[in-house]
Amino acid sequence: MIAHFGYQDGSGAYFITIDTDKCNGCGDCLPACPAQLFEILVDDPNDPFRVTPVASVKETERKKIKYICDPCKGGSPQHPLLCVASCKAGAIGHS
């Protein structure tokens, strides 16, 4: 399942996506994000039957992604964002 964290307004769509089928809860995204947006959840609210931890974006930060992630923007396929590059499972995406 693809979990979308963020928002859309008149200026655009600002989302971090996490493919929960790929995420293994390793936590590599936590130290990679300078803004400390991520957390590891033991109980996935989107999948109550999940037995492994999963990464999530902190609830308090979801409406601020446009501003919080701005310093890391400028990523390209050759130089992806730090959170995307840190995820060995390829579970994190960014709009």
C-alpha atoms as a PDB file:
ATOM      1  CA  MET A   1       0.000   0.000   0.000  1.00  0.00           C
ATOM      2  CA  ILE A   2       1.227   3.502  -0.803  1.00  0.00           C
ATOM      3  CA  ALA A   3       0.735   5.862   2.148  1.00  0.00           C
ATOM      4  CA  HIS A   4       0.643   9.574   1.271  1.00  0.00           C
ATOM      5  CA  PHE A   5       1.724  12.084   3.898  1.00  0.00           C
ATOM      6  CA  GLY A   6       1.294  15.773   3.155  1.00  0.00           C
ATOM      7  CA  TYR A   7      -1.222  18.060   1.524  1.00  0.00           C
ATOM      8  CA  GLN A   8      -2.303  19.834  -1.650  1.00  0.00           C
ATOM      9  CA  ASP A   9      -3.203  23.501  -1.931  1.00  0.00           C
ATOM     10  CA  GLY A  10      -3.440  26.160  -4.617  1.00  0.00           C
ATOM     11  CA  SER A  11       0.329  26.282  -5.027  1.00  0.00           C
ATOM     12  CA  GLY A  12       0.839  22.555  -5.580  1.00  0.00           C
ATOM     13  CA  ALA A  13       0.967  19.088  -4.101  1.00  0.00           C
ATOM     14  CA  TYR A  14       3.455  18.349  -1.337  1.00  0.00           C
ATOM     15  CA  PHE A  15       3.651  14.696  -0.399  1.00  0.00           C
ATOM     16  CA  ILE A  16       6.052  12.136   0.939  1.00  0.00           C
ATOM     17  CA  THR A  17       4.959   8.653  -0.030  1.00  0.00           C
ATOM     18  CA  ILE A  18       5.936   5.450   1.718  1.00  0.00           C
ATOM     19  CA  ASP A  19       5.305   2.096   0.094  1.00  0.00           C
ATOM     20  CA  THR A  20       4.411   0.111   3.178  1.00  0.00           C
ATOM     21  CA  ASP A  21       4.820  -3.153   1.273  1.00  0.00           C
ATOM     22  CA  LYS A  22       8.502  -2.293   0.727  1.00  0.00           C
ATOM     23  CA  CYS A  23       9.231  -0.579   4.063  1.00  0.00           C
ATOM     24  CA  ASN A  24      10.879  -2.909   6.547  1.00  0.00           C
ATOM     25  CA  GLY A  25      11.026  -0.422   9.425  1.00  0.00           C
ATOM     26  CA  CYS A  26      14.831  -0.305   9.419  1.00  0.00           C
ATOM     27  CA  GLY A  27      14.898   3.369  10.467  1.00  0.00           C
ATOM     28  CA  ASP A  28      17.591   4.509   8.014  1.00  0.00           C
ATOM     29  CA  CYS A  29      15.366   7.461   7.071  1.00  0.00           C
ATOM     30  CA  LEU A  30      15.384   8.893  10.609  1.00  0.00           C
ATOM     31  CA  PRO A  31      19.006  10.103  10.742  1.00  0.00           C
ATOM     32  CA  ALA A  32      19.026  10.945   7.009  1.00  0.00           C
ATOM     33  CA  CYS A  33      16.320  13.612   7.337  1.00  0.00           C
ATOM     34  CA  PRO A  34      17.786  16.869   8.674  1.00  0.00           C
ATOM     35  CA  ALA A  35      14.277  18.021   9.670  1.00  0.00           C
ATOM     36  CA  GLN A  36      13.560  14.778  11.576  1.00  0.00           C
ATOM     37  CA  LEU A  37      10.207  14.272   9.807  1.00  0.00           C
ATOM     38  CA  PHE A  38      10.121  10.502  10.116  1.00  0.00           C
ATOM     39  CA  GLU A  39       9.176   8.145  12.909  1.00  0.00           C
ATOM     40  CA  ILE A  40       8.962   4.368  13.114  1.00  0.00           C
ATOM     41  CA  LEU A  41       5.587   2.997  14.156  1.00  0.00           C
ATOM     42  CA  VAL A  42       5.255  -0.405  15.757  1.00  0.00           C
ATOM     43  CA  ASP A  43       1.491  -0.373  15.129  1.00  0.00           C
ATOM     44  CA  ASP A  44       0.585   0.780  11.609  1.00  0.00           C
ATOM     45  CA  PRO A  45      -2.740   2.653  11.801  1.00  0.00           C
ATOM     46  CA  ASN A  46      -3.370   1.878   8.124  1.00  0.00           C
ATOM     47  CA  ASP A  47      -2.761  -1.861   8.492  1.00  0.00           C
ATOM     48  CA  PRO A  48      -3.728  -3.276  11.890  1.00  0.00           C
ATOM     49  CA  PHE A  49      -2.513  -6.762  10.893  1.00  0.00           C
ATOM     50  CA  ARG A  50       1.047  -5.638  10.117  1.00  0.00           C
ATOM     51  CA  VAL A  51       3.604  -7.331  12.355  1.00  0.00           C
ATOM     52  CA  THR A  52       6.750  -5.395  11.374  1.00  0.00           C
ATOM     53  CA  PRO A  53       7.446  -1.723  12.147  1.00  0.00           C
ATOM     54  CA  VAL A  54       6.893   0.847   9.409  1.00  0.00           C
ATOM     55  CA  ALA A  55       8.154   4.369   8.724  1.00  0.00           C
ATOM     56  CA  SER A  56       5.742   7.278   8.863  1.00  0.00           C
ATOM     57  CA  VAL A  57       5.838  11.061   8.718  1.00  0.00           C
ATOM     58  CA  LYS A  58       5.119  12.646  12.088  1.00  0.00           C
ATOM     59  CA  GLU A  59       1.519  13.864  12.284  1.00  0.00           C
ATOM     60  CA  THR A  60       2.621  17.303  13.527  1.00  0.00           C
ATOM     61  CA  GLU A  61       4.814  17.846  10.453  1.00  0.00           C
ATOM     62  CA  ARG A  62       2.523  16.702   7.607  1.00  0.00           C
ATOM     63  CA  LYS A  63       1.084  20.148   6.840  1.00  0.00           C
ATOM     64  CA  LYS A  64       4.570  21.705   6.810  1.00  0.00           C
ATOM     65  CA  ILE A  65       6.255  19.457   4.220  1.00  0.00           C
ATOM     66  CA  LYS A  66       6.438  22.238   1.611  1.00  0.00           C
ATOM     67  CA  TYR A  67       8.598  24.356   3.924  1.00  0.00           C
ATOM     68  CA  ILE A  68      10.437  21.698   5.890  1.00  0.00           C
ATOM     69  CA  CYS A  69      11.611  19.764   2.817  1.00  0.00           C
ATOM     70  CA  ASP A  70      12.532  22.866   0.805  1.00  0.00           C
ATOM     71  CA  PRO A  71      16.220  22.922   1.876  1.00  0.00           C
ATOM     72  CA  CYS A  72      16.659  19.387   0.504  1.00  0.00           C
ATOM     73  CA  LYS A  73      14.868  20.057  -2.781  1.00  0.00           C
ATOM     74  CA  GLY A  74      16.836  20.163  -5.961  1.00  0.00           C
ATOM     75  CA  GLY A  75      17.160  16.405  -5.939  1.00  0.00           C
ATOM     76  CA  SER A  76      17.284  14.653  -9.281  1.00  0.00           C
ATOM     77  CA  PRO A  77      17.423  11.001 -10.278  1.00  0.00           C
ATOM     78  CA  GLN A  78      21.213  11.304 -10.128  1.00  0.00           C
ATOM     79  CA  HIS A  79      21.060  13.084  -6.737  1.00  0.00           C
ATOM     80  CA  PRO A  80      17.832  12.157  -4.937  1.00  0.00           C
ATOM     81  CA  LEU A  81      16.662  13.696  -1.688  1.00  0.00           C
ATOM     82  CA  LEU A  82      18.442  12.419   1.423  1.00  0.00           C
ATOM     83  CA  CYS A  83      15.411  10.502   2.713  1.00  0.00           C
ATOM     84  CA  VAL A  84      14.874   8.830  -0.661  1.00  0.00           C
ATOM     85  CA  ALA A  85      18.563   7.967  -1.027  1.00  0.00           C
ATOM     86  CA  SER A  86      18.764   6.523   2.494  1.00  0.00           C
ATOM     87  CA  CYS A  87      15.962   4.022   1.894  1.00  0.00           C
ATOM     88  CA  LYS A  88      17.645   0.841   0.656  1.00  0.00           C
ATOM     89  CA  ALA A  89      14.231  -0.785   0.187  1.00  0.00           C
ATOM     90  CA  GLY A  90      13.135   1.999  -2.184  1.00  0.00           C
ATOM     91  CA  ALA A  91       9.999   2.663  -0.157  1.00  0.00           C
ATOM     92  CA  ILE A  92      10.182   6.479   0.085  1.00  0.00           C
ATOM     93  CA  GLY A  93       9.092   8.885  -2.644  1.00  0.00           C
ATOM     94  CA  HIS A  94       8.710  12.658  -2.674  1.00  0.00           C
ATOM     95  CA  SER A  95       6.599  15.007  -4.804  1.00  0.00           C
END
